[in-house]
Amino acid sequence: MSWQENLGDLFSATVNQQSLEEAAEMMVSVSEDDLEYHNTCIGALNSAIKSCRDGNNEVIALINKSGYQVDSIEKAQKILEDFLDIYLSEYTSATG
């Protein structure tokens, strides 16, 4: 799967109508026992952040399919960076 498909899946399955913290907790409940899933999450978020930095507006549509709505590439990048930070913090806490 492409990072776009993975990002879309992450946002629609975990973020949807939840906070980023709740979504990260849900992701960690899977990734703490599944390194491949963890790597997929990290890869999708990092690729999306890079895509924002490159000015790719595609990320906005991927995020907007979830419960979050962004109207600029800067807001998309900020949400993605926050989500990655929260996820990594939760993952580190769970895996020690």
PDB file of N, CA and C in Angstrom:
ATOM      1  N   MET A   1       0.840  -1.193   0.000  1.00  0.00           N
ATOM      2  CA  MET A   1       0.000   0.000   0.000  1.00  0.00           C
ATOM      3  C   MET A   1       0.878   1.247   0.000  1.00  0.00           C
ATOM      4  N   SER A   2       0.365   2.289  -0.583  1.00  0.00           N
ATOM      5  CA  SER A   2       1.089   3.558  -0.606  1.00  0.00           C
ATOM      6  C   SER A   2       0.914   4.279   0.735  1.00  0.00           C
ATOM      7  N   TRP A   3       1.769   5.266   0.963  1.00  0.00           N
ATOM      8  CA  TRP A   3       1.630   6.038   2.200  1.00  0.00           C
ATOM      9  C   TRP A   3       0.288   6.774   2.200  1.00  0.00           C
ATOM     10  N   GLN A   4      -0.190   7.162   1.010  1.00  0.00           N
ATOM     11  CA  GLN A   4      -1.474   7.859   0.935  1.00  0.00           C
ATOM     12  C   GLN A   4      -2.613   6.954   1.417  1.00  0.00           C
ATOM     13  N   GLU A   5      -2.589   5.707   0.958  1.00  0.00           N
ATOM     14  CA  GLU A   5      -3.620   4.761   1.404  1.00  0.00           C
ATOM     15  C   GLU A   5      -3.499   4.504   2.903  1.00  0.00           C
ATOM     16  N   ASN A   6      -2.268   4.335   3.384  1.00  0.00           N
ATOM     17  CA  ASN A   6      -2.054   4.101   4.818  1.00  0.00           C
ATOM     18  C   ASN A   6      -2.499   5.297   5.648  1.00  0.00           C
ATOM     19  N   LEU A   7      -2.176   6.508   5.194  1.00  0.00           N
ATOM     20  CA  LEU A   7      -2.591   7.699   5.929  1.00  0.00           C
ATOM     21  C   LEU A   7      -4.111   7.818   5.941  1.00  0.00           C
ATOM     22  N   GLY A   8      -4.725   7.610   4.803  1.00  0.00           N
ATOM     23  CA  GLY A   8      -6.191   7.655   4.740  1.00  0.00           C
ATOM     24  C   GLY A   8      -6.823   6.648   5.677  1.00  0.00           C
ATOM     25  N   ASP A   9      -6.262   5.435   5.697  1.00  0.00           N
ATOM     26  CA  ASP A   9      -6.769   4.398   6.600  1.00  0.00           C
ATOM     27  C   ASP A   9      -6.577   4.794   8.063  1.00  0.00           C
ATOM     28  N   LEU A  10      -5.400   5.335   8.398  1.00  0.00           N
ATOM     29  CA  LEU A  10      -5.134   5.751   9.784  1.00  0.00           C
ATOM     30  C   LEU A  10      -6.153   6.791  10.234  1.00  0.00           C
ATOM     31  N   PHE A  11      -6.354   7.807   9.410  1.00  0.00           N
ATOM     32  CA  PHE A  11      -7.264   8.874   9.802  1.00  0.00           C
ATOM     33  C   PHE A  11      -8.712   8.400   9.844  1.00  0.00           C
ATOM     34  N   SER A  12      -9.136   7.600   8.882  1.00  0.00           N
ATOM     35  CA  SER A  12     -10.531   7.178   8.893  1.00  0.00           C
ATOM     36  C   SER A  12     -10.816   6.138   9.975  1.00  0.00           C
ATOM     37  N   ALA A  13      -9.836   5.295  10.275  1.00  0.00           N
ATOM     38  CA  ALA A  13     -10.060   4.227  11.258  1.00  0.00           C
ATOM     39  C   ALA A  13      -9.789   4.665  12.692  1.00  0.00           C
ATOM     40  N   THR A  14      -8.836   5.556  12.894  1.00  0.00           N
ATOM     41  CA  THR A  14      -8.468   5.885  14.272  1.00  0.00           C
ATOM     42  C   THR A  14      -8.837   7.297  14.681  1.00  0.00           C
ATOM     43  N   VAL A  15      -8.636   8.259  13.830  1.00  0.00           N
ATOM     44  CA  VAL A  15      -8.920   9.639  14.220  1.00  0.00           C
ATOM     45  C   VAL A  15     -10.417   9.885  14.164  1.00  0.00           C
ATOM     46  N   ASN A  16     -11.007   9.649  13.026  1.00  0.00           N
ATOM     47  CA  ASN A  16     -12.434   9.790  12.803  1.00  0.00           C
ATOM     48  C   ASN A  16     -13.051  10.866  13.701  1.00  0.00           C
ATOM     49  N   GLN A  17     -13.744  10.514  14.754  1.00  0.00           N
ATOM     50  CA  GLN A  17     -14.386  11.502  15.625  1.00  0.00           C
ATOM     51  C   GLN A  17     -13.690  11.612  16.989  1.00  0.00           C
ATOM     52  N   GLN A  18     -12.444  11.164  17.064  1.00  0.00           N
ATOM     53  CA  GLN A  18     -11.714  11.157  18.326  1.00  0.00           C
ATOM     54  C   GLN A  18     -10.625  12.221  18.329  1.00  0.00           C
ATOM     55  N   SER A  19     -10.059  12.422  19.490  1.00  0.00           N
ATOM     56  CA  SER A  19      -8.901  13.299  19.590  1.00  0.00           C
ATOM     57  C   SER A  19      -7.678  12.567  19.054  1.00  0.00           C
ATOM     58  N   LEU A  20      -6.633  13.317  18.764  1.00  0.00           N
ATOM     59  CA  LEU A  20      -5.386  12.691  18.319  1.00  0.00           C
ATOM     60  C   LEU A  20      -4.827  11.777  19.402  1.00  0.00           C
ATOM     61  N   GLU A  21      -4.998  12.150  20.653  1.00  0.00           N
ATOM     62  CA  GLU A  21      -4.517  11.319  21.757  1.00  0.00           C
ATOM     63  C   GLU A  21      -5.237   9.970  21.784  1.00  0.00           C
ATOM     64  N   GLU A  22      -6.544  10.007  21.644  1.00  0.00           N
ATOM     65  CA  GLU A  22      -7.311   8.759  21.632  1.00  0.00           C
ATOM     66  C   GLU A  22      -6.960   7.896  20.423  1.00  0.00           C
ATOM     67  N   ALA A  23      -6.759   8.539  19.298  1.00  0.00           N
ATOM     68  CA  ALA A  23      -6.375   7.797  18.088  1.00  0.00           C
ATOM     69  C   ALA A  23      -5.007   7.148  18.269  1.00  0.00           C
ATOM     70  N   ALA A  24      -4.078   7.889  18.852  1.00  0.00           N
ATOM     71  CA  ALA A  24      -2.731   7.348  19.084  1.00  0.00           C
ATOM     72  C   ALA A  24      -2.790   6.159  20.037  1.00  0.00           C
ATOM     73  N   GLU A  25      -3.606   6.261  21.087  1.00  0.00           N
ATOM     74  CA  GLU A  25      -3.748   5.141  22.022  1.00  0.00           C
ATOM     75  C   GLU A  25      -4.284   3.903  21.309  1.00  0.00           C
ATOM     76  N   MET A  26      -5.249   4.104  20.426  1.00  0.00           N
ATOM     77  CA  MET A  26      -5.812   2.988  19.676  1.00  0.00           C
ATOM     78  C   MET A  26      -4.741   2.363  18.768  1.00  0.00           C
ATOM     79  N   MET A  27      -3.973   3.189  18.112  1.00  0.00           N
ATOM     80  CA  MET A  27      -2.906   2.691  17.236  1.00  0.00           C
ATOM     81  C   MET A  27      -1.872   1.912  18.043  1.00  0.00           C
ATOM     82  N   VAL A  28      -1.492   2.428  19.194  1.00  0.00           N
ATOM     83  CA  VAL A  28      -0.489   1.763  20.034  1.00  0.00           C
ATOM     84  C   VAL A  28      -1.011   0.439  20.565  1.00  0.00           C
ATOM     85  N   SER A  29      -2.309   0.339  20.785  1.00  0.00           N
ATOM     86  CA  SER A  29      -2.853  -0.934  21.263  1.00  0.00           C
ATOM     87  C   SER A  29      -2.581  -2.056  20.263  1.00  0.00           C
ATOM     88  N   VAL A  30      -2.396  -1.708  19.010  1.00  0.00           N
ATOM     89  CA  VAL A  30      -2.033  -2.683  17.976  1.00  0.00           C
ATOM     90  C   VAL A  30      -0.516  -2.725  17.784  1.00  0.00           C
ATOM     91  N   SER A  31       0.093  -1.551  17.662  1.00  0.00           N
ATOM     92  CA  SER A  31       1.511  -1.496  17.277  1.00  0.00           C
ATOM     93  C   SER A  31       2.475  -1.975  18.352  1.00  0.00           C
ATOM     94  N   GLU A  32       2.081  -1.946  19.616  1.00  0.00           N
ATOM     95  CA  GLU A  32       3.001  -2.406  20.644  1.00  0.00           C
ATOM     96  C   GLU A  32       3.326  -3.888  20.491  1.00  0.00           C
ATOM     97  N   ASP A  33       2.462  -4.627  19.814  1.00  0.00           N
ATOM     98  CA  ASP A  33       2.697  -6.048  19.552  1.00  0.00           C
ATOM     99  C   ASP A  33       2.906  -6.357  18.077  1.00  0.00           C
ATOM    100  N   ASP A  34       2.968  -5.320  17.252  1.00  0.00           N
ATOM    101  CA  ASP A  34       3.078  -5.525  15.809  1.00  0.00           C
ATOM    102  C   ASP A  34       4.011  -4.471  15.217  1.00  0.00           C
ATOM    103  N   LEU A  35       5.290  -4.820  15.109  1.00  0.00           N
ATOM    104  CA  LEU A  35       6.297  -3.880  14.628  1.00  0.00           C
ATOM    105  C   LEU A  35       6.012  -3.433  13.196  1.00  0.00           C
ATOM    106  N   GLU A  36       5.477  -4.304  12.377  1.00  0.00           N
ATOM    107  CA  GLU A  36       5.163  -3.926  10.992  1.00  0.00           C
ATOM    108  C   GLU A  36       4.110  -2.817  10.958  1.00  0.00           C
ATOM    109  N   TYR A  37       3.086  -2.932  11.796  1.00  0.00           N
ATOM    110  CA  TYR A  37       2.057  -1.897  11.877  1.00  0.00           C
ATOM    111  C   TYR A  37       2.665  -0.588  12.381  1.00  0.00           C
ATOM    112  N   HIS A  38       3.523  -0.679  13.380  1.00  0.00           N
ATOM    113  CA  HIS A  38       4.207   0.510  13.906  1.00  0.00           C
ATOM    114  C   HIS A  38       4.977   1.201  12.782  1.00  0.00           C
ATOM    115  N   ASN A  39       5.751   0.438  12.030  1.00  0.00           N
ATOM    116  CA  ASN A  39       6.536   1.010  10.937  1.00  0.00           C
ATOM    117  C   ASN A  39       5.645   1.612   9.852  1.00  0.00           C
ATOM    118  N   THR A  40       4.505   0.998   9.608  1.00  0.00           N
ATOM    119  CA  THR A  40       3.552   1.534   8.636  1.00  0.00           C
ATOM    120  C   THR A  40       3.011   2.879   9.105  1.00  0.00           C
ATOM    121  N   CYS A  41       2.669   2.971  10.382  1.00  0.00           N
ATOM    122  CA  CYS A  41       2.160   4.231  10.943  1.00  0.00           C
ATOM    123  C   CYS A  41       3.202   5.333  10.837  1.00  0.00           C
ATOM    124  N   ILE A  42       4.417   5.036  11.267  1.00  0.00           N
ATOM    125  CA  ILE A  42       5.500   6.021  11.227  1.00  0.00           C
ATOM    126  C   ILE A  42       5.778   6.431   9.785  1.00  0.00           C
ATOM    127  N   GLY A  43       5.843   5.457   8.899  1.00  0.00           N
ATOM    128  CA  GLY A  43       6.128   5.747   7.497  1.00  0.00           C
ATOM    129  C   GLY A  43       5.070   6.630   6.862  1.00  0.00           C
ATOM    130  N   ALA A  44       3.809   6.327   7.126  1.00  0.00           N
ATOM    131  CA  ALA A  44       2.719   7.123   6.553  1.00  0.00           C
ATOM    132  C   ALA A  44       2.758   8.556   7.067  1.00  0.00           C
ATOM    133  N   LEU A  45       2.944   8.722   8.370  1.00  0.00           N
ATOM    134  CA  LEU A  45       2.970  10.072   8.936  1.00  0.00           C
ATOM    135  C   LEU A  45       4.189  10.855   8.462  1.00  0.00           C
ATOM    136  N   ASN A  46       5.356  10.238   8.458  1.00  0.00           N
ATOM    137  CA  ASN A  46       6.558  10.929   7.976  1.00  0.00           C
ATOM    138  C   ASN A  46       6.449  11.295   6.500  1.00  0.00           C
ATOM    139  N   SER A  47       5.930  10.391   5.683  1.00  0.00           N
ATOM    140  CA  SER A  47       5.769  10.671   4.255  1.00  0.00           C
ATOM    141  C   SER A  47       4.772  11.806   4.029  1.00  0.00           C
ATOM    142  N   ALA A  48       3.710  11.823   4.813  1.00  0.00           N
ATOM    143  CA  ALA A  48       2.712  12.885   4.683  1.00  0.00           C
ATOM    144  C   ALA A  48       3.298  14.236   5.103  1.00  0.00           C
ATOM    145  N   ILE A  49       4.089  14.250   6.165  1.00  0.00           N
ATOM    146  CA  ILE A  49       4.738  15.492   6.599  1.00  0.00           C
ATOM    147  C   ILE A  49       5.679  15.993   5.509  1.00  0.00           C
ATOM    148  N   LYS A  50       6.464  15.096   4.938  1.00  0.00           N
ATOM    149  CA  LYS A  50       7.364  15.476   3.848  1.00  0.00           C
ATOM    150  C   LYS A  50       6.569  16.006   2.666  1.00  0.00           C
ATOM    151  N   SER A  51       5.449  15.356   2.371  1.00  0.00           N
ATOM    152  CA  SER A  51       4.608  15.799   1.267  1.00  0.00           C
ATOM    153  C   SER A  51       4.081  17.216   1.513  1.00  0.00           C
ATOM    154  N   CYS A  52       3.718  17.512   2.749  1.00  0.00           N
ATOM    155  CA  CYS A  52       3.292  18.875   3.092  1.00  0.00           C
ATOM    156  C   CYS A  52       4.419  19.863   2.859  1.00  0.00           C
ATOM    157  N   ARG A  53       5.597  19.501   3.315  1.00  0.00           N
ATOM    158  CA  ARG A  53       6.751  20.390   3.126  1.00  0.00           C
ATOM    159  C   ARG A  53       7.044  20.632   1.657  1.00  0.00           C
ATOM    160  N   ASP A  54       6.709  19.656   0.823  1.00  0.00           N
ATOM    161  CA  ASP A  54       6.903  19.776  -0.624  1.00  0.00           C
ATOM    162  C   ASP A  54       5.747  20.512  -1.299  1.00  0.00           C
ATOM    163  N   GLY A  55       4.723  20.900  -0.506  1.00  0.00           N
ATOM    164  CA  GLY A  55       3.596  21.653  -1.041  1.00  0.00           C
ATOM    165  C   GLY A  55       2.498  20.819  -1.677  1.00  0.00           C
ATOM    166  N   ASN A  56       2.450  19.536  -1.377  1.00  0.00           N
ATOM    167  CA  ASN A  56       1.448  18.647  -1.962  1.00  0.00           C
ATOM    168  C   ASN A  56       0.126  18.778  -1.216  1.00  0.00           C
ATOM    169  N   ASN A  57      -0.870  19.322  -1.886  1.00  0.00           N
ATOM    170  CA  ASN A  57      -2.194  19.531  -1.270  1.00  0.00           C
ATOM    171  C   ASN A  57      -2.997  18.251  -1.104  1.00  0.00           C
ATOM    172  N   GLU A  58      -2.535  17.148  -1.660  1.00  0.00           N
ATOM    173  CA  GLU A  58      -3.241  15.866  -1.561  1.00  0.00           C
ATOM    174  C   GLU A  58      -3.491  15.480  -0.101  1.00  0.00           C
ATOM    175  N   VAL A  59      -2.584  15.870   0.774  1.00  0.00           N
ATOM    176  CA  VAL A  59      -2.686  15.520   2.188  1.00  0.00           C
ATOM    177  C   VAL A  59      -3.948  16.127   2.809  1.00  0.00           C
ATOM    178  N   ILE A  60      -4.322  17.303   2.379  1.00  0.00           N
ATOM    179  CA  ILE A  60      -5.514  17.962   2.917  1.00  0.00           C
ATOM    180  C   ILE A  60      -6.742  17.075   2.712  1.00  0.00           C
ATOM    181  N   ALA A  61      -6.914  16.555   1.518  1.00  0.00           N
ATOM    182  CA  ALA A  61      -8.067  15.704   1.230  1.00  0.00           C
ATOM    183  C   ALA A  61      -8.039  14.427   2.058  1.00  0.00           C
ATOM    184  N   LEU A  62      -6.855  13.862   2.253  1.00  0.00           N
ATOM    185  CA  LEU A  62      -6.745  12.632   3.045  1.00  0.00           C
ATOM    186  C   LEU A  62      -7.147  12.873   4.497  1.00  0.00           C
ATOM    187  N   ILE A  63      -6.733  13.994   5.051  1.00  0.00           N
ATOM    188  CA  ILE A  63      -7.107  14.333   6.429  1.00  0.00           C
ATOM    189  C   ILE A  63      -8.595  14.657   6.512  1.00  0.00           C
ATOM    190  N   ASN A  64      -9.098  15.395   5.543  1.00  0.00           N
ATOM    191  CA  ASN A  64     -10.491  15.844   5.582  1.00  0.00           C
ATOM    192  C   ASN A  64     -11.499  14.713   5.429  1.00  0.00           C
ATOM    193  N   LYS A  65     -11.066  13.539   5.046  1.00  0.00           N
ATOM    194  CA  LYS A  65     -11.978  12.386   4.991  1.00  0.00           C
ATOM    195  C   LYS A  65     -12.306  11.872   6.390  1.00  0.00           C
ATOM    196  N   SER A  66     -11.543  12.336   7.383  1.00  0.00           N
ATOM    197  CA  SER A  66     -11.770  11.927   8.775  1.00  0.00           C
ATOM    198  C   SER A  66     -12.600  13.002   9.478  1.00  0.00           C
ATOM    199  N   GLY A  67     -12.618  12.956  10.796  1.00  0.00           N
ATOM    200  CA  GLY A  67     -13.333  13.953  11.576  1.00  0.00           C
ATOM    201  C   GLY A  67     -12.614  15.285  11.649  1.00  0.00           C
ATOM    202  N   TYR A  68     -11.365  15.327  11.239  1.00  0.00           N
ATOM    203  CA  TYR A  68     -10.588  16.567  11.242  1.00  0.00           C
ATOM    204  C   TYR A  68     -10.767  17.278   9.914  1.00  0.00           C
ATOM    205  N   GLN A  69     -10.767  18.582   9.961  1.00  0.00           N
ATOM    206  CA  GLN A  69     -10.867  19.387   8.753  1.00  0.00           C
ATOM    207  C   GLN A  69      -9.750  20.427   8.762  1.00  0.00           C
ATOM    208  N   VAL A  70      -8.991  20.443   7.680  1.00  0.00           N
ATOM    209  CA  VAL A  70      -7.943  21.444   7.512  1.00  0.00           C
ATOM    210  C   VAL A  70      -8.171  22.145   6.186  1.00  0.00           C
ATOM    211  N   ASP A  71      -7.775  23.416   6.136  1.00  0.00           N
ATOM    212  CA  ASP A  71      -7.989  24.176   4.904  1.00  0.00           C
ATOM    213  C   ASP A  71      -6.698  24.729   4.318  1.00  0.00           C
ATOM    214  N   SER A  72      -5.567  24.283   4.881  1.00  0.00           N
ATOM    215  CA  SER A  72      -4.288  24.727   4.327  1.00  0.00           C
ATOM    216  C   SER A  72      -3.234  23.650   4.553  1.00  0.00           C
ATOM    217  N   ILE A  73      -2.218  23.698   3.753  1.00  0.00           N
ATOM    218  CA  ILE A  73      -1.126  22.742   3.863  1.00  0.00           C
ATOM    219  C   ILE A  73      -0.389  22.929   5.200  1.00  0.00           C
ATOM    220  N   GLU A  74      -0.331  24.159   5.680  1.00  0.00           N
ATOM    221  CA  GLU A  74       0.324  24.434   6.964  1.00  0.00           C
ATOM    222  C   GLU A  74      -0.431  23.786   8.126  1.00  0.00           C
ATOM    223  N   LYS A  75      -1.748  23.868   8.095  1.00  0.00           N
ATOM    224  CA  LYS A  75      -2.562  23.240   9.145  1.00  0.00           C
ATOM    225  C   LYS A  75      -2.468  21.723   9.060  1.00  0.00           C
ATOM    226  N   ALA A  76      -2.432  21.206   7.841  1.00  0.00           N
ATOM    227  CA  ALA A  76      -2.275  19.759   7.660  1.00  0.00           C
ATOM    228  C   ALA A  76      -0.944  19.295   8.241  1.00  0.00           C
ATOM    229  N   GLN A  77       0.109  20.018   7.945  1.00  0.00           N
ATOM    230  CA  GLN A  77       1.427  19.652   8.455  1.00  0.00           C
ATOM    231  C   GLN A  77       1.455  19.701   9.977  1.00  0.00           C
ATOM    232  N   LYS A  78       0.847  20.705  10.556  1.00  0.00           N
ATOM    233  CA  LYS A  78       0.826  20.845  12.019  1.00  0.00           C
ATOM    234  C   LYS A  78       0.094  19.670  12.665  1.00  0.00           C
ATOM    235  N   ILE A  79      -1.053  19.294  12.122  1.00  0.00           N
ATOM    236  CA  ILE A  79      -1.803  18.157  12.672  1.00  0.00           C
ATOM    237  C   ILE A  79      -0.984  16.882  12.553  1.00  0.00           C
ATOM    238  N   LEU A  80      -0.355  16.686  11.411  1.00  0.00           N
ATOM    239  CA  LEU A  80       0.449  15.483  11.210  1.00  0.00           C
ATOM    240  C   LEU A  80       1.637  15.434  12.165  1.00  0.00           C
ATOM    241  N   GLU A  81       2.312  16.560  12.349  1.00  0.00           N
ATOM    242  CA  GLU A  81       3.446  16.605  13.269  1.00  0.00           C
ATOM    243  C   GLU A  81       2.983  16.353  14.706  1.00  0.00           C
ATOM    244  N   ASP A  82       1.863  16.951  15.083  1.00  0.00           N
ATOM    245  CA  ASP A  82       1.311  16.716  16.423  1.00  0.00           C
ATOM    246  C   ASP A  82       0.936  15.245  16.602  1.00  0.00           C
ATOM    247  N   PHE A  83       0.283  14.673  15.596  1.00  0.00           N
ATOM    248  CA  PHE A  83      -0.139  13.280  15.649  1.00  0.00           C
ATOM    249  C   PHE A  83       1.071  12.353  15.788  1.00  0.00           C
ATOM    250  N   LEU A  84       2.111  12.612  15.025  1.00  0.00           N
ATOM    251  CA  LEU A  84       3.323  11.802  15.113  1.00  0.00           C
ATOM    252  C   LEU A  84       3.946  11.911  16.499  1.00  0.00           C
ATOM    253  N   ASP A  85       4.049  13.116  17.026  1.00  0.00           N
ATOM    254  CA  ASP A  85       4.623  13.312  18.363  1.00  0.00           C
ATOM    255  C   ASP A  85       3.816  12.573  19.429  1.00  0.00           C
ATOM    256  N   ILE A  86       2.505  12.703  19.366  1.00  0.00           N
ATOM    257  CA  ILE A  86       1.629  12.037  20.339  1.00  0.00           C
ATOM    258  C   ILE A  86       1.760  10.526  20.214  1.00  0.00           C
ATOM    259  N   TYR A  87       1.726  10.038  18.979  1.00  0.00           N
ATOM    260  CA  TYR A  87       1.847   8.598  18.754  1.00  0.00           C
ATOM    261  C   TYR A  87       3.174   8.067  19.301  1.00  0.00           C
ATOM    262  N   LEU A  88       4.262   8.736  18.994  1.00  0.00           N
ATOM    263  CA  LEU A  88       5.572   8.273  19.453  1.00  0.00           C
ATOM    264  C   LEU A  88       5.680   8.295  20.977  1.00  0.00           C
ATOM    265  N   SER A  89       5.091   9.286  21.592  1.00  0.00           N
ATOM    266  CA  SER A  89       5.084   9.367  23.048  1.00  0.00           C
ATOM    267  C   SER A  89       4.296   8.208  23.647  1.00  0.00           C
ATOM    268  N   GLU A  90       3.120   7.948  23.098  1.00  0.00           N
ATOM    269  CA  GLU A  90       2.294   6.837  23.573  1.00  0.00           C
ATOM    270  C   GLU A  90       3.011   5.486  23.345  1.00  0.00           C
ATOM    271  N   TYR A  91       3.620   5.360  22.194  1.00  0.00           N
ATOM    272  CA  TYR A  91       4.312   4.107  21.856  1.00  0.00           C
ATOM    273  C   TYR A  91       5.492   3.865  22.807  1.00  0.00           C
ATOM    274  N   THR A  92       6.247   4.913  23.063  1.00  0.00           N
ATOM    275  CA  THR A  92       7.393   4.800  23.976  1.00  0.00           C
ATOM    276  C   THR A  92       6.929   4.433  25.379  1.00  0.00           C
ATOM    277  N   SER A  93       5.838   5.035  25.824  1.00  0.00           N
ATOM    278  CA  SER A  93       5.300   4.712  27.150  1.00  0.00           C
ATOM    279  C   SER A  93       4.849   3.256  27.223  1.00  0.00           C
ATOM    280  N   ALA A  94       4.245   2.768  26.155  1.00  0.00           N
ATOM    281  CA  ALA A  94       3.717   1.398  26.155  1.00  0.00           C
ATOM    282  C   ALA A  94       4.807   0.334  26.016  1.00  0.00           C
ATOM    283  N   THR A  95       5.866   0.669  25.323  1.00  0.00           N
ATOM    284  CA  THR A  95       6.892  -0.325  25.033  1.00  0.00           C
ATOM    285  C   THR A  95       8.137  -0.168  25.890  1.00  0.00           C
ATOM    286  N   GLY A  96       8.175   0.899  26.666  1.00  0.00           N
ATOM    287  CA  GLY A  96       9.238   1.113  27.624  1.00  0.00           C
ATOM    288  C   GLY A  96      10.576   1.330  27.099  1.00  0.00           C
TER     289      GLY A  96
END
